[in-house]
């Protein structure tokens, strides 16, 4: 019996099933026991309205008018990225209403399960099994990833696509030239799909090439991954160029940049305006209509106090991006909740406390792991085919930091890369183990030589 248990505990398949069961249990319980205050509001309302207009009016627009008056005509827009509206449009019916929340929660549950499974399998390809199990447990139990499952928002699909990207990076590139090119095209296409949910990630595509040790692979990845991403996003950009009227209308890009340009996310030091201090500025309504107007306003603020603004953009604002509390919500939630298992269930409360008080150490370890992925002393303990996964994960940390310097920052925008953060944090411990083993060998050799 003991031998059977040992075999089971050493089995990747057994642990995969355990992690999937854990992921299902936590996410299903969260869905069943969480009551969200007005779940279809703000971003969620606009995603739903955009999907509704696309499906039943043939127009991509966030206008709410057709929900009130079905005969109302709306102009196309490009305010919301198309990933989530397309997903909702695939399952929406004229009678959906709030039932769409349950449908999206079911999809998020599936995405969460796949995220846990893919990240565990990818981690097991480069890390010892115990370390891969820890990565899987972190992704399965993460309070942010679990709590975000209940929302009709893009965080969970984005985390799923980041997991798929990591899974692709863990696959050995095919040996034949044609299949290698196809592999890199698919690799880039995943980033392209991710950018349909989170547009900023489109700029991550060229960085994939840095993850490959061989120069030939770098150039192939750069070329074909960019091609793959372009194939995915081209229809969206072409549609916007041809069909979206060039009228003066609010721009999500401009609004997000303005939101991120107020130190402390407050207007004139008034904490009552936190975290959207920009919305209290009289110039906001006009500036958000144009990216150029927004850039002029931001340039003016920088010119007035360059040192304070540099400190805000480079050091103070990124804290909000990686801190535990989600500043445009409450704690680990995006929209306020009336009830949640994290408040009244012992298991969920224990998980919350463990993650809450290890959040900063995990972030520090992830930075160490990101650096270790590029060290020759670490690389010699890994095969060249194992490096791309760790290096793609490591590139996500500085990318998300740099990419959000101009914009509003909250943990919900870094949450999609939590699987990569957990992988890097555990890898840092494995890399330290490599270093200790190497030091022990050097010591033994020195002792042997002296004797």
Protein backbone atom coordinates (compact mmCIF):
# COMPACT_ATOMS: atom_id res chain seq x y z
CA UNK A 1 0.00 0.00 0.00
CA UNK A 2 2.78 2.42 0.94
CA UNK A 3 4.51 1.68 -2.36
CA UNK A 4 1.32 2.48 -4.29
CA UNK A 5 0.99 5.81 -2.44
CA UNK A 6 4.64 6.65 -3.22
CA UNK A 7 4.07 5.89 -6.92
CA UNK A 8 0.96 8.06 -6.95
CA UNK A 9 2.76 10.96 -5.27
CA UNK A 10 5.57 10.67 -7.83
CA UNK A 11 3.11 10.65 -10.73
CA UNK A 12 2.67 13.87 -12.72
CA UNK A 13 -0.73 12.68 -13.91
CA UNK A 14 -1.95 12.10 -10.35
CA UNK A 15 -0.83 15.55 -9.27
CA UNK A 16 -2.38 17.09 -12.38
CA UNK A 17 -5.73 15.57 -11.44
CA UNK A 18 -5.36 16.72 -7.82
CA UNK A 19 -4.58 20.28 -8.91
CA UNK A 20 -7.50 20.32 -11.35
CA UNK A 21 -9.83 19.07 -8.61
CA UNK A 22 -8.55 21.80 -6.28
CA UNK A 23 -8.97 24.47 -8.96
CA UNK A 24 -12.53 23.33 -9.68
CA UNK A 25 -13.46 23.22 -5.98
CA UNK A 26 -12.18 26.70 -5.16
CA UNK A 27 -13.52 28.40 -8.27
CA UNK A 28 -16.88 26.65 -8.21
CA UNK A 29 -17.32 27.52 -4.53
CA UNK A 30 -16.37 31.14 -5.24
CA UNK A 31 -18.94 31.32 -8.04
CA UNK A 32 -21.68 29.75 -5.93
CA UNK A 33 -21.08 31.74 -2.74
CA UNK A 34 -20.02 35.15 -4.05
CA UNK A 35 -22.69 37.82 -4.44
CA UNK A 36 -21.40 40.76 -6.45
CA UNK A 37 -22.92 44.21 -6.05
CA UNK A 38 -24.29 45.15 -9.49
CA UNK A 39 -22.12 42.72 -11.50
CA UNK A 40 -23.04 44.29 -14.85
CA UNK A 41 -21.68 47.80 -14.43
CA UNK A 42 -18.81 50.00 -15.61
CA UNK A 43 -16.49 47.88 -17.82
CA UNK A 44 -18.77 44.83 -17.64
CA UNK A 45 -21.76 46.83 -18.90
CA UNK A 46 -19.78 48.12 -21.86
CA UNK A 47 -18.49 44.65 -22.72
CA UNK A 48 -22.05 43.31 -22.59
CA UNK A 49 -23.50 46.20 -24.62
CA UNK A 50 -20.76 45.86 -27.23
CA UNK A 51 -21.42 42.13 -27.58
CA UNK A 52 -25.19 42.72 -27.76
CA UNK A 53 -24.87 45.36 -30.49
CA UNK A 54 -22.46 43.21 -32.45
CA UNK A 55 -24.63 40.10 -32.29
CA UNK A 56 -28.07 41.63 -32.88
CA UNK A 57 -27.37 44.89 -34.68
CA UNK A 58 -24.22 43.99 -36.58
CA UNK A 59 -22.48 47.04 -35.13
CA UNK A 60 -19.51 47.00 -32.77
CA UNK A 61 -20.47 49.73 -30.31
CA UNK A 62 -20.65 50.17 -26.56
CA UNK A 63 -23.84 52.25 -26.85
CA UNK A 64 -26.55 51.25 -24.37
CA UNK A 65 -29.36 52.70 -26.50
CA UNK A 66 -30.32 49.42 -28.26
CA UNK A 67 -30.82 47.80 -24.84
CA UNK A 68 -33.40 50.46 -24.07
CA UNK A 69 -34.81 50.97 -27.58
CA UNK A 70 -34.15 48.02 -29.94
CA UNK A 71 -34.77 50.22 -33.00
CA UNK A 72 -32.15 52.78 -32.00
CA UNK A 73 -29.28 53.24 -34.45
CA UNK A 74 -25.73 53.43 -33.18
CA UNK A 75 -22.42 54.36 -34.72
CA UNK A 76 -19.55 51.86 -34.62
CA UNK A 77 -16.72 52.54 -32.21
CA UNK A 78 -13.46 50.98 -31.08
CA UNK A 79 -13.62 51.97 -27.42
CA UNK A 80 -13.35 48.46 -25.96
CA UNK A 81 -10.85 45.85 -27.23
CA UNK A 82 -12.68 43.05 -29.06
CA UNK A 83 -11.61 39.93 -27.16
CA UNK A 84 -14.25 39.77 -24.44
CA UNK A 85 -17.13 41.23 -26.52
CA UNK A 86 -16.48 38.57 -29.19
CA UNK A 87 -16.51 35.88 -26.50
CA UNK A 88 -19.78 37.17 -25.02
CA UNK A 89 -21.32 37.60 -28.49
CA UNK A 90 -20.74 33.90 -29.16
CA UNK A 91 -23.03 32.87 -26.29
CA UNK A 92 -25.48 35.77 -25.90
CA UNK A 93 -29.18 35.51 -26.74
CA UNK A 94 -31.84 38.26 -26.89
CA UNK A 95 -33.15 37.01 -23.54
CA UNK A 96 -29.76 36.60 -21.87
CA UNK A 97 -29.85 39.64 -19.60
CA UNK A 98 -28.17 38.88 -16.29
CA UNK A 99 -28.06 35.18 -17.21
CA UNK A 100 -24.94 36.05 -19.20
CA UNK A 101 -23.14 36.38 -15.85
CA UNK A 102 -23.62 32.68 -15.11
CA UNK A 103 -22.55 31.72 -18.63
CA UNK A 104 -19.38 33.78 -18.37
CA UNK A 105 -18.63 32.39 -14.90
CA UNK A 106 -18.83 28.89 -16.37
CA UNK A 107 -16.39 29.90 -19.12
CA UNK A 108 -14.10 31.52 -16.54
CA UNK A 109 -14.23 28.30 -14.52
CA UNK A 110 -13.07 26.36 -17.58
CA UNK A 111 -10.36 28.93 -18.29
CA UNK A 112 -9.18 28.69 -14.68
CA UNK A 113 -8.95 24.89 -14.82
CA UNK A 114 -6.96 24.98 -18.05
CA UNK A 115 -4.71 27.72 -16.65
CA UNK A 116 -3.79 25.56 -13.65
CA UNK A 117 -3.27 22.43 -15.77
CA UNK A 118 -1.14 24.13 -18.44
CA UNK A 119 1.06 26.01 -15.97
CA UNK A 120 1.67 22.84 -13.94
CA UNK A 121 2.59 20.80 -17.03
CA UNK A 122 4.84 23.60 -18.29
CA UNK A 123 6.53 23.96 -14.90
CA UNK A 124 7.06 20.19 -14.70
CA UNK A 125 8.95 20.39 -17.99
CA UNK A 126 11.68 22.58 -16.47
CA UNK A 127 11.47 22.13 -12.69
CA UNK A 128 11.67 19.15 -10.36
CA UNK A 129 8.22 17.66 -9.71
CA UNK A 130 7.92 19.01 -6.12
CA UNK A 131 8.66 22.53 -7.38
CA UNK A 132 6.15 22.17 -10.23
CA UNK A 133 3.53 21.02 -7.71
CA UNK A 134 4.13 24.18 -5.66
CA UNK A 135 3.67 26.29 -8.81
CA UNK A 136 0.43 24.45 -9.57
CA UNK A 137 -0.82 24.96 -6.01
CA UNK A 138 -0.06 28.69 -6.14
CA UNK A 139 -1.96 29.13 -9.40
CA UNK A 140 -4.86 26.96 -8.25
CA UNK A 141 -5.26 28.76 -4.91
CA UNK A 142 -4.35 32.36 -5.80
CA UNK A 143 -7.07 34.52 -4.17
CA UNK A 144 -6.88 37.05 -7.00
CA UNK A 145 -7.25 34.44 -9.73
CA UNK A 146 -10.04 32.69 -7.83
CA UNK A 147 -12.00 35.84 -6.98
CA UNK A 148 -11.75 37.25 -10.50
CA UNK A 149 -13.58 34.16 -11.80
CA UNK A 150 -16.93 35.66 -10.81
CA UNK A 151 -16.66 38.76 -13.02
CA UNK A 152 -17.67 39.44 -16.62
CA UNK A 153 -14.27 41.00 -17.22
CA UNK A 154 -11.08 40.22 -19.13
CA UNK A 155 -8.77 39.25 -16.24
CA UNK A 156 -9.51 35.51 -16.25
CA UNK A 157 -9.37 35.04 -20.06
CA UNK A 158 -6.12 37.03 -20.09
CA UNK A 159 -4.55 34.84 -17.39
CA UNK A 160 -5.64 31.80 -19.40
CA UNK A 161 -3.91 33.14 -22.51
CA UNK A 162 -0.75 33.93 -20.53
CA UNK A 163 -0.80 30.29 -19.37
CA UNK A 164 -1.16 29.12 -22.98
CA UNK A 165 1.77 31.35 -23.92
CA UNK A 166 3.88 29.76 -21.16
CA UNK A 167 2.76 26.34 -22.32
CA UNK A 168 3.90 27.10 -25.87
CA UNK A 169 7.25 28.32 -24.55
CA UNK A 170 7.71 24.98 -22.75
CA UNK A 171 7.34 23.06 -26.03
CA UNK A 172 10.53 22.21 -27.86
CA UNK A 173 10.59 23.98 -31.21
CA UNK A 174 10.32 21.47 -34.10
CA UNK A 175 13.51 20.55 -35.92
CA UNK A 176 12.28 21.00 -39.51
CA UNK A 177 12.48 24.53 -40.85
CA UNK A 178 8.88 24.62 -42.06
CA UNK A 179 7.41 23.29 -38.82
CA UNK A 180 9.64 25.61 -36.81
CA UNK A 181 8.28 28.59 -38.73
CA UNK A 182 4.71 27.38 -38.16
CA UNK A 183 5.45 26.94 -34.45
CA UNK A 184 6.67 30.52 -34.11
CA UNK A 185 3.67 31.82 -36.08
CA UNK A 186 1.38 30.02 -33.62
CA UNK A 187 3.45 31.36 -30.73
CA UNK A 188 2.93 34.92 -31.96
CA UNK A 189 -0.74 34.26 -32.67
CA UNK A 190 -1.28 33.47 -28.98
CA UNK A 191 0.12 36.91 -28.10
CA UNK A 192 -2.13 38.39 -30.77
CA UNK A 193 -5.21 36.81 -29.18
CA UNK A 194 -4.03 37.99 -25.76
CA UNK A 195 -3.75 41.54 -27.12
CA UNK A 196 -7.41 41.40 -28.15
CA UNK A 197 -8.18 41.26 -24.43
CA UNK A 198 -5.24 43.36 -23.24
CA UNK A 199 -3.96 45.52 -26.14
CA UNK A 200 -0.74 46.46 -24.38
CA UNK A 201 0.54 42.88 -24.80
CA UNK A 202 0.86 43.30 -28.55
CA UNK A 203 4.18 45.03 -27.84
CA UNK A 204 5.35 41.87 -26.07
CA UNK A 205 5.55 39.93 -29.35
CA UNK A 206 9.08 40.98 -30.41
CA UNK A 207 10.39 40.14 -26.93
CA UNK A 208 9.62 36.45 -27.47
CA UNK A 209 12.71 36.24 -29.67
CA UNK A 210 14.97 37.10 -26.72
CA UNK A 211 13.93 33.90 -24.95
CA UNK A 212 15.70 31.61 -27.43
CA UNK A 213 19.43 30.99 -26.91
CA UNK A 214 20.35 30.33 -30.57
CA UNK A 215 20.72 33.29 -32.90
CA UNK A 216 18.90 31.57 -35.78
CA UNK A 217 15.92 30.88 -33.52
CA UNK A 218 15.90 34.50 -32.36
CA UNK A 219 15.52 35.78 -35.90
CA UNK A 220 12.95 33.14 -36.88
CA UNK A 221 10.93 33.84 -33.74
CA UNK A 222 11.08 37.59 -34.26
CA UNK A 223 9.90 37.34 -37.86
CA UNK A 224 7.29 34.59 -37.62
CA UNK A 225 5.92 35.47 -34.18
CA UNK A 226 5.29 39.05 -35.34
CA UNK A 227 3.63 37.61 -38.44
CA UNK A 228 1.40 35.39 -36.30
CA UNK A 229 0.37 38.28 -34.07
CA UNK A 230 -0.26 40.50 -37.09
CA UNK A 231 -2.55 37.91 -38.70
CA UNK A 232 -4.70 37.90 -35.56
CA UNK A 233 -4.94 41.65 -34.95
CA UNK A 234 -4.97 42.90 -38.56
CA UNK A 235 -8.75 42.49 -39.03
CA UNK A 236 -9.39 44.63 -35.94
CA UNK A 237 -7.11 47.44 -37.10
CA UNK A 238 -8.42 47.31 -40.66
CA UNK A 239 -12.02 47.40 -39.42
CA UNK A 240 -11.25 50.42 -37.22
CA UNK A 241 -9.58 52.25 -40.10
CA UNK A 242 -12.44 51.62 -42.51
CA UNK A 243 -15.60 51.62 -40.36
CA UNK A 244 -15.11 53.76 -37.27
CA UNK A 245 -16.17 57.38 -37.89
CA UNK A 246 -13.52 59.97 -37.16
CA UNK A 247 -15.74 61.91 -34.79
CA UNK A 248 -14.64 63.53 -31.55
CA UNK A 249 -15.46 60.87 -28.96
CA UNK A 250 -13.91 59.63 -25.71
CA UNK A 251 -10.82 57.47 -26.12
CA UNK A 252 -10.10 54.65 -23.67
CA UNK A 253 -6.37 55.08 -24.35
CA UNK A 254 -6.55 58.81 -23.54
CA UNK A 255 -8.70 58.25 -20.43
CA UNK A 256 -6.37 55.57 -19.07
CA UNK A 257 -3.31 57.75 -19.64
CA UNK A 258 -5.01 60.67 -17.86
CA UNK A 259 -5.99 58.42 -14.96
CA UNK A 260 -2.35 57.47 -14.53
CA UNK A 261 -0.96 61.02 -14.65
CA UNK A 262 -2.15 62.21 -11.23
CA UNK A 263 0.33 61.50 -8.40
CA UNK A 264 -1.29 59.35 -5.75
CA UNK A 265 -4.25 58.96 -8.12
CA UNK A 266 -5.81 62.02 -6.48
CA UNK A 267 -6.76 65.49 -7.70
CA UNK A 268 -5.02 68.37 -5.92
CA UNK A 269 -4.32 66.23 -2.86
CA UNK A 270 -7.99 65.46 -2.21
CA UNK A 271 -8.09 61.83 -1.03
CA UNK A 272 -11.85 61.73 -1.66
CA UNK A 273 -11.02 61.62 -5.39
CA UNK A 274 -8.86 58.43 -5.06
CA UNK A 275 -8.22 56.42 -7.24
CA UNK A 276 -9.68 58.38 -10.15
CA UNK A 277 -8.44 61.87 -9.33
CA UNK A 278 -8.39 62.74 -13.01
CA UNK A 279 -12.19 62.55 -13.19
CA UNK A 280 -12.42 65.52 -10.80
CA UNK A 281 -10.23 67.69 -13.02
CA UNK A 282 -12.35 70.07 -15.17
CA UNK A 283 -10.15 69.34 -18.18
CA UNK A 284 -10.83 65.58 -18.12
CA UNK A 285 -13.94 65.50 -20.32
CA UNK A 286 -12.23 67.49 -23.04
CA UNK A 287 -8.81 65.83 -22.81
CA UNK A 288 -10.14 62.27 -22.99
CA UNK A 289 -11.50 62.94 -26.46
CA UNK A 290 -8.01 63.06 -27.93
CA UNK A 291 -4.73 61.27 -27.26
CA UNK A 292 -2.86 64.35 -28.48
CA UNK A 293 -4.70 66.59 -26.01
CA UNK A 294 -3.97 64.08 -23.26
CA UNK A 295 -0.28 64.00 -24.11
CA UNK A 296 -0.14 67.81 -24.04
CA UNK A 297 -1.76 67.85 -20.60
CA UNK A 298 0.62 65.20 -19.28
CA UNK A 299 3.60 67.06 -20.78
CA UNK A 300 2.42 70.22 -19.01
CA UNK A 301 2.22 68.40 -15.66
CA UNK A 302 5.72 66.95 -16.17
CA UNK A 303 7.14 70.37 -17.10
CA UNK A 304 5.67 71.91 -13.95
CA UNK A 305 7.26 69.35 -11.61
CA UNK A 306 9.59 66.97 -13.47
CA UNK A 307 11.17 65.37 -10.39
CA UNK A 308 7.87 64.60 -8.65
CA UNK A 309 6.32 63.28 -11.87
CA UNK A 310 9.35 61.09 -12.62
CA UNK A 311 9.19 59.70 -9.10
CA UNK A 312 5.47 59.03 -9.55
CA UNK A 313 5.72 57.33 -12.93
CA UNK A 314 8.83 55.23 -12.24
CA UNK A 315 8.62 54.31 -8.57
CA UNK A 316 5.39 55.20 -6.81
CA UNK A 317 2.76 54.19 -9.36
CA UNK A 318 4.19 50.70 -10.05
CA UNK A 319 3.60 49.84 -6.39
CA UNK A 320 -0.14 49.95 -7.07
CA UNK A 321 0.37 47.60 -10.02
CA UNK A 322 1.86 44.82 -7.90
CA UNK A 323 0.45 45.46 -4.43
CA UNK A 324 -2.08 43.11 -2.82
CA UNK A 325 -5.09 45.46 -2.69
CA UNK A 326 -6.87 46.26 -5.92
CA UNK A 327 -7.24 50.03 -5.73
CA UNK A 328 -10.19 50.36 -8.13
CA UNK A 329 -12.08 47.79 -6.09
CA UNK A 330 -11.81 46.43 -2.57
CA UNK A 331 -9.06 44.12 -1.37
CA UNK A 332 -8.87 41.24 -3.91
CA UNK A 333 -12.14 42.19 -5.59
CA UNK A 334 -12.85 44.41 -8.59
CA UNK A 335 -16.51 45.13 -7.92
CA UNK A 336 -17.72 45.15 -4.32
CA UNK A 337 -19.23 41.94 -2.98
CA UNK A 338 -22.01 41.40 -0.43
CA UNK A 339 -20.87 37.86 0.31
CA UNK A 340 -17.77 35.80 -0.44
CA UNK A 341 -16.24 32.57 0.90
CA UNK A 342 -13.06 34.55 1.57
CA UNK A 343 -14.99 36.20 4.41
CA UNK A 344 -16.80 33.24 5.95
CA UNK A 345 -15.21 29.95 4.90
CA UNK A 346 -12.31 28.55 6.94
CA UNK A 347 -10.44 27.06 3.96
CA UNK A 348 -10.74 30.26 1.92
CA UNK A 349 -9.76 32.40 4.90
CA UNK A 350 -6.66 30.27 5.48
CA UNK A 351 -5.66 30.51 1.82
CA UNK A 352 -6.24 34.27 1.92
CA UNK A 353 -4.03 34.75 5.00
CA UNK A 354 -1.20 32.60 3.60
CA UNK A 355 -1.19 34.44 0.28
CA UNK A 356 -1.70 37.87 1.85
CA UNK A 357 1.35 37.60 4.08
CA UNK A 358 3.58 35.90 1.50
CA UNK A 359 2.66 38.29 -1.32
CA UNK A 360 5.73 40.50 -0.97
CA UNK A 361 8.21 37.60 -0.50
CA UNK A 362 6.76 35.92 -3.59
CA UNK A 363 7.22 39.12 -5.62
CA UNK A 364 10.82 39.44 -4.42
CA UNK A 365 11.51 35.80 -5.27
CA UNK A 366 9.94 36.28 -8.71
CA UNK A 367 12.35 39.15 -9.44
CA UNK A 368 15.24 36.93 -8.34
CA UNK A 369 13.91 34.11 -10.53
CA UNK A 370 13.59 36.47 -13.50
CA UNK A 371 17.26 37.44 -13.16
CA UNK A 372 18.39 33.86 -12.56
CA UNK A 373 16.81 32.76 -15.84
CA UNK A 374 19.49 34.73 -17.71
CA UNK A 375 22.55 33.75 -15.67
CA UNK A 376 25.07 31.38 -17.29
CA UNK A 377 25.55 29.67 -13.93
CA UNK A 378 21.86 28.75 -13.94
CA UNK A 379 21.64 27.95 -17.65
CA UNK A 380 24.24 25.20 -17.38
CA UNK A 381 21.88 23.25 -15.12
CA UNK A 382 19.15 23.39 -17.78
CA UNK A 383 18.91 22.27 -21.38
CA UNK A 384 18.56 24.92 -24.12
CA UNK A 385 14.99 23.73 -24.67
CA UNK A 386 14.09 24.54 -21.05
CA UNK A 387 15.28 28.14 -21.15
CA UNK A 388 12.55 29.72 -23.35
CA UNK A 389 9.79 29.08 -20.79
CA UNK A 390 11.71 30.67 -17.94
CA UNK A 391 12.87 33.57 -20.06
CA UNK A 392 9.43 34.32 -21.51
CA UNK A 393 8.09 34.35 -17.94
CA UNK A 394 10.98 36.55 -16.82
CA UNK A 395 10.35 39.07 -19.61
CA UNK A 396 6.73 39.52 -18.53
CA UNK A 397 7.70 41.20 -15.25
CA UNK A 398 9.68 44.15 -16.67
CA UNK A 399 7.32 44.35 -19.64
CA UNK A 400 4.21 44.81 -17.49
CA UNK A 401 6.10 47.34 -15.35
CA UNK A 402 7.28 49.41 -18.33
CA UNK A 403 4.07 49.04 -20.35
CA UNK A 404 1.97 50.48 -17.52
CA UNK A 405 4.20 53.47 -16.76
CA UNK A 406 1.96 55.82 -18.82
CA UNK A 407 -1.34 54.28 -17.67
CA UNK A 408 -3.56 53.70 -14.68
CA UNK A 409 -2.11 50.89 -12.54
CA UNK A 410 -3.81 48.34 -10.28
CA UNK A 411 -3.17 44.69 -9.43
CA UNK A 412 -6.03 43.64 -11.73
CA UNK A 413 -3.83 44.70 -14.67
CA UNK A 414 -0.90 42.60 -13.45
CA UNK A 415 -3.10 39.65 -12.41
CA UNK A 416 -2.90 37.92 -15.82
CA UNK A 417 0.84 37.38 -15.32
CA UNK A 418 0.43 35.89 -11.82
CA UNK A 419 1.06 32.39 -13.26
CA UNK A 420 4.43 33.65 -14.56
CA UNK A 421 5.18 35.34 -11.22
CA UNK A 422 4.51 32.13 -9.29
CA UNK A 423 6.65 30.13 -11.72
CA UNK A 424 9.55 32.56 -11.34
CA UNK A 425 9.25 32.66 -7.54
CA UNK A 426 9.55 28.88 -7.27
CA UNK A 427 12.31 28.83 -9.87
CA UNK A 428 14.29 31.28 -7.71
CA UNK A 429 14.32 28.67 -4.93
CA UNK A 430 15.38 25.97 -7.41
CA UNK A 431 18.14 28.25 -8.74
CA UNK A 432 19.40 28.81 -5.18
CA UNK A 433 19.48 25.05 -4.77
CA UNK A 434 21.59 24.83 -7.95
CA UNK A 435 23.97 27.37 -6.42
CA UNK A 436 24.26 25.48 -3.12
CA UNK A 437 24.94 22.20 -4.94
CA UNK A 438 27.60 23.91 -7.05
CA UNK A 439 29.18 25.47 -3.96
CA UNK A 440 29.21 22.12 -2.19
CA UNK A 441 30.94 20.50 -5.17
CA UNK A 442 33.54 23.26 -5.28
CA UNK A 443 34.15 22.85 -1.56
CA UNK A 444 34.52 19.08 -1.88
CA UNK A 445 36.92 19.47 -4.78
CA UNK A 446 38.95 22.00 -2.82
CA UNK A 447 39.08 19.68 0.18
CA UNK A 448 40.08 16.76 -2.06
CA UNK A 449 42.82 18.82 -3.72
CA UNK A 450 44.26 20.00 -0.40
CA UNK A 451 44.37 16.47 0.98
